[in-house]
Amino acid sequence: MAGDPVAFVRELKRQPGGDIWLCGGGQLAGQLLPEVDELVVRLNPFLVGSGVPIVDREFDSRRFRLVETRPFDSGVVVLRYLAG
């Protein structure tokens, strides 16, 4: 993607339509963190080594509050958080 991803997302938010989803993490998620108002995290019950961080950026504290927890028989838990 060429250009500023934050400016792009802010422009999308001004347009009519549905939610904007970013699937994954890393550097793009780190750049867009100021625009994130909800997190959906899928927690898997096994470790596989190193991976992609949820956000890849310098430390910048941001509080989210847990609003939903959905456990599955497989051991996976989906956690939904809202900003604020």
Protein backbone atom coordinates (compact mmCIF):
# COMPACT_ATOMS: atom_id res chain seq x y z
CA MET A 1 0.00 0.00 0.00
CA ALA A 2 1.44 3.35 -1.02
CA GLY A 3 0.86 6.42 1.12
CA ASP A 4 -0.06 6.94 4.74
CA PRO A 5 -2.16 4.04 6.12
CA VAL A 6 -3.53 6.18 8.99
CA ALA A 7 -4.78 8.85 6.56
CA PHE A 8 -6.29 6.10 4.39
CA VAL A 9 -8.18 4.54 7.33
CA ARG A 10 -9.39 7.95 8.54
CA GLU A 11 -10.77 8.62 5.06
CA LEU A 12 -12.51 5.22 5.05
CA LYS A 13 -14.10 6.02 8.43
CA ARG A 14 -15.62 9.21 6.98
CA GLN A 15 -17.39 7.22 4.26
CA PRO A 16 -20.67 5.36 4.75
CA GLY A 17 -20.40 1.63 5.12
CA GLY A 18 -19.55 -1.14 7.51
CA ASP A 19 -16.71 -1.89 9.86
CA ILE A 20 -13.05 -1.88 8.88
CA TRP A 21 -11.17 -5.06 9.77
CA LEU A 22 -7.41 -5.59 9.96
CA CYS A 23 -6.62 -9.29 10.19
CA GLY A 24 -3.17 -9.95 11.55
CA GLY A 25 -0.69 -7.78 13.35
CA GLY A 26 2.81 -6.46 13.04
CA GLN A 27 3.97 -3.17 11.60
CA LEU A 28 0.72 -2.15 9.88
CA ALA A 29 -1.26 -2.81 13.05
CA GLY A 30 1.31 -0.78 14.97
CA GLN A 31 0.87 2.16 12.61
CA LEU A 32 -2.93 1.95 12.82
CA LEU A 33 -3.14 1.49 16.62
CA PRO A 34 -4.45 5.05 17.22
CA GLU A 35 -7.45 4.21 15.00
CA VAL A 36 -8.27 0.86 16.63
CA ASP A 37 -11.50 0.90 18.65
CA GLU A 38 -11.97 -2.87 19.03
CA LEU A 39 -9.68 -5.89 19.33
CA VAL A 40 -10.70 -9.48 18.68
CA VAL A 41 -7.98 -11.84 19.88
CA ARG A 42 -8.02 -15.59 19.28
CA LEU A 43 -6.02 -17.38 21.94
CA ASN A 44 -4.79 -20.85 20.97
CA PRO A 45 -3.71 -23.33 23.67
CA PHE A 46 -0.32 -24.22 22.16
CA LEU A 47 3.04 -22.57 21.58
CA VAL A 48 4.89 -22.65 18.27
CA GLY A 49 7.85 -20.32 18.86
CA SER A 50 8.29 -16.79 17.59
CA GLY A 51 5.52 -15.14 15.65
CA VAL A 52 4.06 -11.82 14.58
CA PRO A 53 3.34 -9.43 17.48
CA ILE A 54 -0.17 -7.97 17.74
CA VAL A 55 1.38 -4.53 17.22
CA ASP A 56 4.98 -3.82 16.24
CA ARG A 57 5.84 -0.32 17.47
CA GLU A 58 7.53 1.52 20.30
CA PHE A 59 5.83 1.23 23.68
CA ASP A 60 2.63 3.27 23.69
CA SER A 61 0.22 2.34 26.47
CA ARG A 62 -3.39 1.92 25.35
CA ARG A 63 -6.20 0.54 27.50
CA PHE A 64 -8.90 -1.82 26.22
CA ARG A 65 -11.70 -3.38 28.26
CA LEU A 66 -12.87 -6.96 27.91
CA VAL A 67 -16.49 -7.15 26.71
CA GLU A 68 -16.85 -10.75 25.52
CA THR A 69 -15.20 -14.13 26.07
CA ARG A 70 -16.07 -17.16 23.93
CA PRO A 71 -14.42 -20.47 24.82
CA PHE A 72 -14.57 -23.39 22.38
CA ASP A 73 -14.29 -27.14 22.98
CA SER A 74 -10.94 -27.12 21.14
CA GLY A 75 -9.47 -24.94 23.89
CA VAL A 76 -9.44 -21.82 21.70
CA VAL A 77 -10.77 -18.70 23.41
CA VAL A 78 -11.91 -15.62 21.49
CA LEU A 79 -11.56 -12.41 23.48
CA ARG A 80 -13.26 -9.19 22.38
CA TYR A 81 -12.06 -5.84 23.73
CA LEU A 82 -13.22 -2.25 23.22
CA ALA A 83 -10.99 0.80 23.46
CA GLY A 84 -11.34 2.89 26.58
